[in-house]
Amino acid sequence: MDAEHLRMALLGFPDTTEETPFDEHTIVYKVSGKMFALTDYREKPLSVNLKCDPDLALGLRDEFPCVVPGYHMSKKHWNTVILDGSVPDSQIDSWIRHSFEQVLKGLPKSRRQEIEAQLEQGVVSRQAQSDPELRELLKKTI
């Protein structure tokens, strides 16, 4: 997975923002203000930290060498996925969605239901909607 595909996948959800709260290089992706992913696009190989169900996190680490405990994160709830090409993009896309859904589960019920309805309608983040290039990329994959 390249940087463009990663960014597209991370911004492909409703109410998602892309922020730099830690430094100018660490990009954090949030849903309703809650972090579900972070990356530094300068890294080689590229990697992304994703929130994960604790039992699934352990299983993924056992099965995939490119999945390691979350760097600078709670090792119980976060994995770092090294995007070295050893796992199909579709699998990484599903892990990104799982991360988004893990955070979504923790939101207040009314907000969660709003976002779930938007997901069903195929709504993407406002940032993706306002970026013409990203919007075109999303159209090709959705």
N, C-alpha and C. Protein backbone atom coordinates (compact mmCIF):
# COMPACT_ATOMS: atom_id res chain seq x y z
N MET A 1 0.85 -1.18 0.00
CA MET A 1 0.00 0.00 0.00
C MET A 1 0.89 1.24 0.00
N ASP A 2 0.61 2.14 -0.91
CA ASP A 2 1.40 3.36 -0.96
C ASP A 2 0.73 4.46 -0.13
N ALA A 3 1.41 5.58 0.00
CA ALA A 3 0.93 6.68 0.85
C ALA A 3 -0.41 7.23 0.36
N GLU A 4 -0.57 7.34 -0.95
CA GLU A 4 -1.81 7.87 -1.51
C GLU A 4 -2.99 6.97 -1.17
N HIS A 5 -2.82 5.66 -1.34
CA HIS A 5 -3.89 4.72 -1.02
C HIS A 5 -4.18 4.75 0.48
N LEU A 6 -3.14 4.82 1.30
CA LEU A 6 -3.35 4.87 2.76
C LEU A 6 -4.17 6.10 3.13
N ARG A 7 -3.78 7.26 2.64
CA ARG A 7 -4.50 8.49 2.98
C ARG A 7 -5.95 8.41 2.50
N MET A 8 -6.15 7.90 1.31
CA MET A 8 -7.49 7.75 0.76
C MET A 8 -8.33 6.83 1.65
N ALA A 9 -7.75 5.72 2.07
CA ALA A 9 -8.48 4.77 2.91
C ALA A 9 -8.84 5.40 4.26
N LEU A 10 -7.92 6.15 4.84
CA LEU A 10 -8.15 6.74 6.16
C LEU A 10 -9.18 7.86 6.12
N LEU A 11 -9.24 8.60 5.02
CA LEU A 11 -10.22 9.69 4.90
C LEU A 11 -11.52 9.24 4.26
N GLY A 12 -11.66 7.95 4.00
CA GLY A 12 -12.85 7.44 3.34
C GLY A 12 -14.02 7.18 4.25
N PHE A 13 -13.99 7.73 5.45
CA PHE A 13 -15.08 7.52 6.43
C PHE A 13 -15.69 8.86 6.79
N PRO A 14 -16.98 8.87 7.15
CA PRO A 14 -17.62 10.12 7.55
C PRO A 14 -17.03 10.66 8.86
N ASP A 15 -17.08 11.96 9.01
CA ASP A 15 -16.67 12.67 10.23
C ASP A 15 -15.21 12.39 10.59
N THR A 16 -14.37 12.14 9.58
CA THR A 16 -12.96 11.87 9.81
C THR A 16 -12.16 13.13 9.53
N THR A 17 -11.19 13.39 10.40
CA THR A 17 -10.30 14.53 10.21
C THR A 17 -8.86 14.05 10.19
N GLU A 18 -8.02 14.87 9.58
CA GLU A 18 -6.59 14.63 9.47
C GLU A 18 -5.91 15.79 10.21
N GLU A 19 -5.18 15.49 11.27
CA GLU A 19 -4.62 16.54 12.12
C GLU A 19 -3.15 16.25 12.44
N THR A 20 -2.46 17.27 12.97
CA THR A 20 -1.06 17.11 13.40
C THR A 20 -0.91 17.62 14.84
N PRO A 21 -1.48 16.93 15.82
CA PRO A 21 -1.43 17.43 17.20
C PRO A 21 -0.09 17.24 17.90
N PHE A 22 0.75 16.32 17.41
CA PHE A 22 1.99 16.01 18.10
C PHE A 22 3.18 16.77 17.54
N ASP A 23 3.30 16.77 16.23
CA ASP A 23 4.36 17.49 15.53
C ASP A 23 3.92 17.64 14.08
N GLU A 24 4.73 18.30 13.28
CA GLU A 24 4.32 18.58 11.90
C GLU A 24 4.35 17.37 10.98
N HIS A 25 4.93 16.25 11.44
CA HIS A 25 5.08 15.08 10.58
C HIS A 25 4.14 13.92 10.92
N THR A 26 3.71 13.85 12.16
CA THR A 26 2.83 12.75 12.58
C THR A 26 1.39 13.14 12.29
N ILE A 27 0.80 12.43 11.33
CA ILE A 27 -0.57 12.73 10.91
C ILE A 27 -1.51 11.80 11.67
N VAL A 28 -2.49 12.41 12.35
CA VAL A 28 -3.45 11.67 13.16
C VAL A 28 -4.82 11.74 12.49
N TYR A 29 -5.47 10.59 12.40
CA TYR A 29 -6.81 10.50 11.82
C TYR A 29 -7.79 10.23 12.96
N LYS A 30 -8.84 11.07 13.00
CA LYS A 30 -9.82 10.98 14.09
C LYS A 30 -11.22 10.90 13.52
N VAL A 31 -12.08 10.22 14.27
CA VAL A 31 -13.50 10.24 14.00
C VAL A 31 -14.16 10.88 15.21
N SER A 32 -14.93 11.92 14.98
CA SER A 32 -15.56 12.68 16.06
C SER A 32 -14.57 13.03 17.17
N GLY A 33 -13.37 13.40 16.76
CA GLY A 33 -12.35 13.84 17.72
C GLY A 33 -11.59 12.73 18.41
N LYS A 34 -11.86 11.48 18.08
CA LYS A 34 -11.19 10.33 18.70
C LYS A 34 -10.26 9.66 17.69
N MET A 35 -9.01 9.45 18.08
CA MET A 35 -8.00 8.91 17.18
C MET A 35 -8.26 7.45 16.84
N PHE A 36 -8.16 7.13 15.51
CA PHE A 36 -8.25 5.73 15.10
C PHE A 36 -7.03 5.30 14.27
N ALA A 37 -6.17 6.26 13.90
CA ALA A 37 -4.97 5.91 13.14
C ALA A 37 -3.98 7.06 13.19
N LEU A 38 -2.72 6.71 13.02
CA LEU A 38 -1.70 7.73 12.85
C LEU A 38 -0.55 7.18 12.04
N THR A 39 0.10 8.10 11.32
CA THR A 39 1.22 7.71 10.46
C THR A 39 2.15 8.90 10.27
N ASP A 40 3.31 8.61 9.77
CA ASP A 40 4.28 9.62 9.35
C ASP A 40 4.64 9.25 7.91
N TYR A 41 4.19 10.04 6.97
CA TYR A 41 4.36 9.70 5.56
C TYR A 41 5.82 9.75 5.09
N ARG A 42 6.72 10.23 5.93
CA ARG A 42 8.14 10.26 5.57
C ARG A 42 8.82 8.92 5.83
N GLU A 43 8.20 8.07 6.64
CA GLU A 43 8.81 6.80 7.01
C GLU A 43 8.99 5.89 5.80
N LYS A 44 10.09 5.18 5.79
CA LYS A 44 10.37 4.16 4.78
C LYS A 44 10.82 2.90 5.50
N PRO A 45 10.14 1.79 5.45
CA PRO A 45 8.84 1.65 4.80
C PRO A 45 7.76 2.38 5.59
N LEU A 46 6.74 2.75 4.88
CA LEU A 46 5.59 3.41 5.48
C LEU A 46 4.93 2.46 6.48
N SER A 47 4.43 3.02 7.57
CA SER A 47 3.68 2.22 8.54
C SER A 47 2.51 3.05 9.05
N VAL A 48 1.56 2.38 9.68
CA VAL A 48 0.40 3.05 10.25
C VAL A 48 0.04 2.36 11.56
N ASN A 49 -0.29 3.16 12.56
CA ASN A 49 -0.79 2.62 13.83
C ASN A 49 -2.30 2.58 13.76
N LEU A 50 -2.87 1.41 14.08
CA LEU A 50 -4.31 1.22 14.03
C LEU A 50 -4.82 0.65 15.34
N LYS A 51 -5.96 1.15 15.78
CA LYS A 51 -6.61 0.61 16.96
C LYS A 51 -7.17 -0.77 16.63
N CYS A 52 -7.16 -1.68 17.61
CA CYS A 52 -7.57 -3.05 17.34
C CYS A 52 -8.14 -3.70 18.59
N ASP A 53 -9.10 -4.57 18.41
CA ASP A 53 -9.60 -5.40 19.50
C ASP A 53 -8.39 -6.15 20.09
N PRO A 54 -8.24 -6.18 21.41
CA PRO A 54 -7.05 -6.80 22.01
C PRO A 54 -6.79 -8.24 21.59
N ASP A 55 -7.81 -9.08 21.52
CA ASP A 55 -7.59 -10.47 21.11
C ASP A 55 -7.18 -10.57 19.64
N LEU A 56 -7.84 -9.78 18.80
CA LEU A 56 -7.49 -9.76 17.39
C LEU A 56 -6.07 -9.22 17.19
N ALA A 57 -5.71 -8.21 17.97
CA ALA A 57 -4.37 -7.61 17.86
C ALA A 57 -3.30 -8.68 18.05
N LEU A 58 -3.46 -9.52 19.06
CA LEU A 58 -2.49 -10.58 19.31
C LEU A 58 -2.45 -11.59 18.17
N GLY A 59 -3.62 -11.95 17.67
CA GLY A 59 -3.69 -12.90 16.56
C GLY A 59 -3.03 -12.37 15.30
N LEU A 60 -3.24 -11.09 15.00
CA LEU A 60 -2.63 -10.49 13.82
C LEU A 60 -1.10 -10.46 13.94
N ARG A 61 -0.63 -10.17 15.14
CA ARG A 61 0.82 -10.15 15.37
C ARG A 61 1.43 -11.53 15.18
N ASP A 62 0.69 -12.57 15.58
CA ASP A 62 1.18 -13.94 15.41
C ASP A 62 1.19 -14.36 13.94
N GLU A 63 0.17 -13.91 13.20
CA GLU A 63 0.01 -14.36 11.82
C GLU A 63 0.83 -13.56 10.80
N PHE A 64 0.99 -12.26 11.06
CA PHE A 64 1.62 -11.39 10.07
C PHE A 64 2.88 -10.73 10.64
N PRO A 65 4.04 -11.02 10.10
CA PRO A 65 5.28 -10.40 10.60
C PRO A 65 5.28 -8.87 10.49
N CYS A 66 4.49 -8.32 9.57
CA CYS A 66 4.45 -6.87 9.41
C CYS A 66 3.56 -6.17 10.44
N VAL A 67 2.92 -6.93 11.31
CA VAL A 67 2.07 -6.36 12.36
C VAL A 67 2.78 -6.55 13.70
N VAL A 68 3.07 -5.42 14.34
CA VAL A 68 3.81 -5.43 15.61
C VAL A 68 3.05 -4.59 16.63
N PRO A 69 3.38 -4.74 17.92
CA PRO A 69 2.71 -3.89 18.92
C PRO A 69 2.84 -2.41 18.57
N GLY A 70 1.81 -1.66 18.86
CA GLY A 70 1.77 -0.24 18.50
C GLY A 70 2.93 0.56 19.05
N TYR A 71 3.65 1.20 18.16
CA TYR A 71 4.79 2.03 18.52
C TYR A 71 4.31 3.27 19.25
N HIS A 72 4.81 3.49 20.46
CA HIS A 72 4.43 4.62 21.31
C HIS A 72 2.93 4.64 21.63
N MET A 73 2.30 3.47 21.66
CA MET A 73 0.86 3.39 21.91
C MET A 73 0.61 2.29 22.94
N SER A 74 -0.61 2.19 23.42
CA SER A 74 -0.99 1.08 24.28
C SER A 74 -0.86 -0.21 23.48
N LYS A 75 0.02 -1.08 23.91
CA LYS A 75 0.28 -2.32 23.16
C LYS A 75 -0.95 -3.24 23.15
N LYS A 76 -1.83 -3.06 24.12
CA LYS A 76 -3.03 -3.90 24.20
C LYS A 76 -4.02 -3.56 23.09
N HIS A 77 -4.15 -2.28 22.77
CA HIS A 77 -5.20 -1.83 21.86
C HIS A 77 -4.70 -1.31 20.51
N TRP A 78 -3.40 -1.26 20.31
CA TRP A 78 -2.87 -0.68 19.07
C TRP A 78 -1.82 -1.58 18.43
N ASN A 79 -1.90 -1.66 17.11
CA ASN A 79 -0.89 -2.35 16.31
C ASN A 79 -0.23 -1.34 15.38
N THR A 80 1.04 -1.56 15.10
CA THR A 80 1.71 -0.85 14.02
C THR A 80 1.78 -1.82 12.85
N VAL A 81 1.28 -1.39 11.71
CA VAL A 81 1.30 -2.21 10.51
C VAL A 81 2.35 -1.62 9.57
N ILE A 82 3.36 -2.39 9.28
CA ILE A 82 4.41 -1.97 8.36
C ILE A 82 3.95 -2.30 6.95
N LEU A 83 3.84 -1.28 6.13
CA LEU A 83 3.29 -1.44 4.78
C LEU A 83 4.40 -1.80 3.80
N ASP A 84 4.86 -3.03 3.93
CA ASP A 84 6.01 -3.51 3.16
C ASP A 84 5.61 -4.35 1.95
N GLY A 85 4.30 -4.42 1.67
CA GLY A 85 3.83 -5.17 0.52
C GLY A 85 3.56 -6.64 0.80
N SER A 86 3.79 -7.09 2.03
CA SER A 86 3.60 -8.50 2.35
C SER A 86 2.14 -8.88 2.58
N VAL A 87 1.28 -7.88 2.72
CA VAL A 87 -0.15 -8.11 2.95
C VAL A 87 -0.92 -7.36 1.87
N PRO A 88 -1.94 -7.97 1.28
CA PRO A 88 -2.72 -7.27 0.24
C PRO A 88 -3.37 -5.99 0.78
N ASP A 89 -3.47 -5.00 -0.09
CA ASP A 89 -4.10 -3.73 0.29
C ASP A 89 -5.50 -3.95 0.83
N SER A 90 -6.23 -4.89 0.26
CA SER A 90 -7.61 -5.14 0.71
C SER A 90 -7.64 -5.58 2.18
N GLN A 91 -6.65 -6.33 2.61
CA GLN A 91 -6.56 -6.75 4.00
C GLN A 91 -6.27 -5.55 4.91
N ILE A 92 -5.36 -4.71 4.47
CA ILE A 92 -5.04 -3.51 5.25
C ILE A 92 -6.25 -2.59 5.31
N ASP A 93 -6.97 -2.47 4.20
CA ASP A 93 -8.21 -1.68 4.20
C ASP A 93 -9.18 -2.20 5.25
N SER A 94 -9.29 -3.51 5.39
CA SER A 94 -10.21 -4.07 6.39
C SER A 94 -9.71 -3.78 7.80
N TRP A 95 -8.41 -3.77 8.02
CA TRP A 95 -7.87 -3.42 9.34
C TRP A 95 -8.12 -1.94 9.66
N ILE A 96 -8.05 -1.09 8.64
CA ILE A 96 -8.35 0.33 8.83
C ILE A 96 -9.81 0.49 9.22
N ARG A 97 -10.69 -0.20 8.52
CA ARG A 97 -12.12 -0.12 8.86
C ARG A 97 -12.37 -0.65 10.28
N HIS A 98 -11.69 -1.74 10.65
CA HIS A 98 -11.83 -2.27 12.01
C HIS A 98 -11.41 -1.21 13.03
N SER A 99 -10.32 -0.53 12.77
CA SER A 99 -9.84 0.52 13.67
C SER A 99 -10.89 1.62 13.81
N PHE A 100 -11.43 2.07 12.68
CA PHE A 100 -12.48 3.08 12.68
C PHE A 100 -13.67 2.61 13.51
N GLU A 101 -14.07 1.36 13.30
CA GLU A 101 -15.23 0.82 14.01
C GLU A 101 -14.96 0.66 15.51
N GLN A 102 -13.72 0.36 15.89
CA GLN A 102 -13.38 0.25 17.31
C GLN A 102 -13.62 1.59 18.01
N VAL A 103 -13.23 2.67 17.36
CA VAL A 103 -13.43 3.99 17.94
C VAL A 103 -14.90 4.38 17.88
N LEU A 104 -15.55 4.05 16.78
CA LEU A 104 -16.96 4.35 16.62
C LEU A 104 -17.79 3.74 17.75
N LYS A 105 -17.45 2.52 18.16
CA LYS A 105 -18.18 1.84 19.24
C LYS A 105 -18.15 2.63 20.54
N GLY A 106 -17.11 3.41 20.76
CA GLY A 106 -16.97 4.16 22.00
C GLY A 106 -17.63 5.52 22.00
N LEU A 107 -18.22 5.91 20.87
CA LEU A 107 -18.88 7.22 20.79
C LEU A 107 -20.27 7.13 21.41
N PRO A 108 -20.81 8.28 21.83
CA PRO A 108 -22.20 8.29 22.33
C PRO A 108 -23.14 7.70 21.28
N LYS A 109 -24.16 7.01 21.75
CA LYS A 109 -25.07 6.27 20.87
C LYS A 109 -25.64 7.13 19.75
N SER A 110 -26.09 8.33 20.07
CA SER A 110 -26.71 9.17 19.04
C SER A 110 -25.70 9.54 17.95
N ARG A 111 -24.48 9.88 18.35
CA ARG A 111 -23.45 10.24 17.37
C ARG A 111 -23.05 9.01 16.54
N ARG A 112 -22.90 7.88 17.22
CA ARG A 112 -22.54 6.63 16.55
C ARG A 112 -23.58 6.28 15.48
N GLN A 113 -24.87 6.41 15.83
CA GLN A 113 -25.93 6.09 14.88
C GLN A 113 -25.92 7.02 13.67
N GLU A 114 -25.62 8.30 13.90
CA GLU A 114 -25.52 9.25 12.79
C GLU A 114 -24.42 8.82 11.81
N ILE A 115 -23.27 8.48 12.37
CA ILE A 115 -22.12 8.10 11.53
C ILE A 115 -22.39 6.77 10.83
N GLU A 116 -23.00 5.83 11.53
CA GLU A 116 -23.34 4.54 10.90
C GLU A 116 -24.28 4.74 9.72
N ALA A 117 -25.25 5.66 9.86
CA ALA A 117 -26.17 5.96 8.76
C ALA A 117 -25.40 6.57 7.59
N GLN A 118 -24.45 7.44 7.89
CA GLN A 118 -23.63 8.04 6.83
C GLN A 118 -22.78 6.98 6.14
N LEU A 119 -22.25 6.04 6.92
CA LEU A 119 -21.46 4.95 6.34
C LEU A 119 -22.29 4.15 5.33
N GLU A 120 -23.52 3.85 5.71
CA GLU A 120 -24.42 3.10 4.82
C GLU A 120 -24.70 3.86 3.53
N GLN A 121 -24.69 5.19 3.61
CA GLN A 121 -24.96 6.03 2.43
C GLN A 121 -23.68 6.29 1.62
N GLY A 122 -22.54 5.84 2.11
CA GLY A 122 -21.28 6.05 1.39
C GLY A 122 -20.67 7.42 1.57
N VAL A 123 -21.07 8.12 2.63
CA VAL A 123 -20.53 9.45 2.91
C VAL A 123 -19.07 9.32 3.34
N VAL A 124 -18.22 10.23 2.85
CA VAL A 124 -16.81 10.26 3.25
C VAL A 124 -16.56 11.54 4.04
N SER A 125 -15.35 11.70 4.54
CA SER A 125 -15.02 12.87 5.35
C SER A 125 -15.20 14.16 4.58
N ARG A 126 -15.46 15.25 5.31
CA ARG A 126 -15.58 16.56 4.66
C ARG A 126 -14.27 16.93 3.97
N GLN A 127 -13.16 16.56 4.59
CA GLN A 127 -11.86 16.85 4.01
C GLN A 127 -11.71 16.16 2.66
N ALA A 128 -12.14 14.91 2.58
CA ALA A 128 -12.07 14.19 1.31
C ALA A 128 -13.03 14.81 0.29
N GLN A 129 -14.17 15.28 0.76
CA GLN A 129 -15.14 15.89 -0.15
C GLN A 129 -14.61 17.19 -0.74
N SER A 130 -13.80 17.92 0.04
CA SER A 130 -13.32 19.22 -0.42
C SER A 130 -12.00 19.14 -1.21
N ASP A 131 -11.38 17.99 -1.24
CA ASP A 131 -10.13 17.79 -1.97
C ASP A 131 -10.45 17.10 -3.29
N PRO A 132 -10.42 17.84 -4.41
CA PRO A 132 -10.84 17.26 -5.70
C PRO A 132 -10.07 16.00 -6.09
N GLU A 133 -8.76 15.99 -5.88
CA GLU A 133 -7.96 14.81 -6.25
C GLU A 133 -8.35 13.61 -5.40
N LEU A 134 -8.48 13.83 -4.10
CA LEU A 134 -8.86 12.74 -3.20
C LEU A 134 -10.26 12.25 -3.51
N ARG A 135 -11.16 13.18 -3.82
CA ARG A 135 -12.54 12.80 -4.15
C ARG A 135 -12.56 11.90 -5.38
N GLU A 136 -11.75 12.22 -6.39
CA GLU A 136 -11.68 11.39 -7.60
C GLU A 136 -11.13 10.00 -7.27
N LEU A 137 -10.10 9.94 -6.44
CA LEU A 137 -9.54 8.64 -6.05
C LEU A 137 -10.57 7.81 -5.30
N LEU A 138 -11.31 8.43 -4.42
CA LEU A 138 -12.33 7.72 -3.65
C LEU A 138 -13.42 7.19 -4.57
N LYS A 139 -13.81 7.95 -5.57
CA LYS A 139 -14.84 7.51 -6.51
C LYS A 139 -14.42 6.22 -7.21
N LYS A 140 -13.13 6.11 -7.51
CA LYS A 140 -12.63 4.95 -8.22
C LYS A 140 -12.62 3.70 -7.35
N THR A 141 -12.59 3.87 -6.03
CA THR A 141 -12.47 2.70 -5.16
C THR A 141 -13.75 2.35 -4.42
N ILE A 142 -14.70 3.26 -4.37
CA ILE A 142 -15.94 2.99 -3.63
C ILE A 142 -16.98 2.40 -4.55
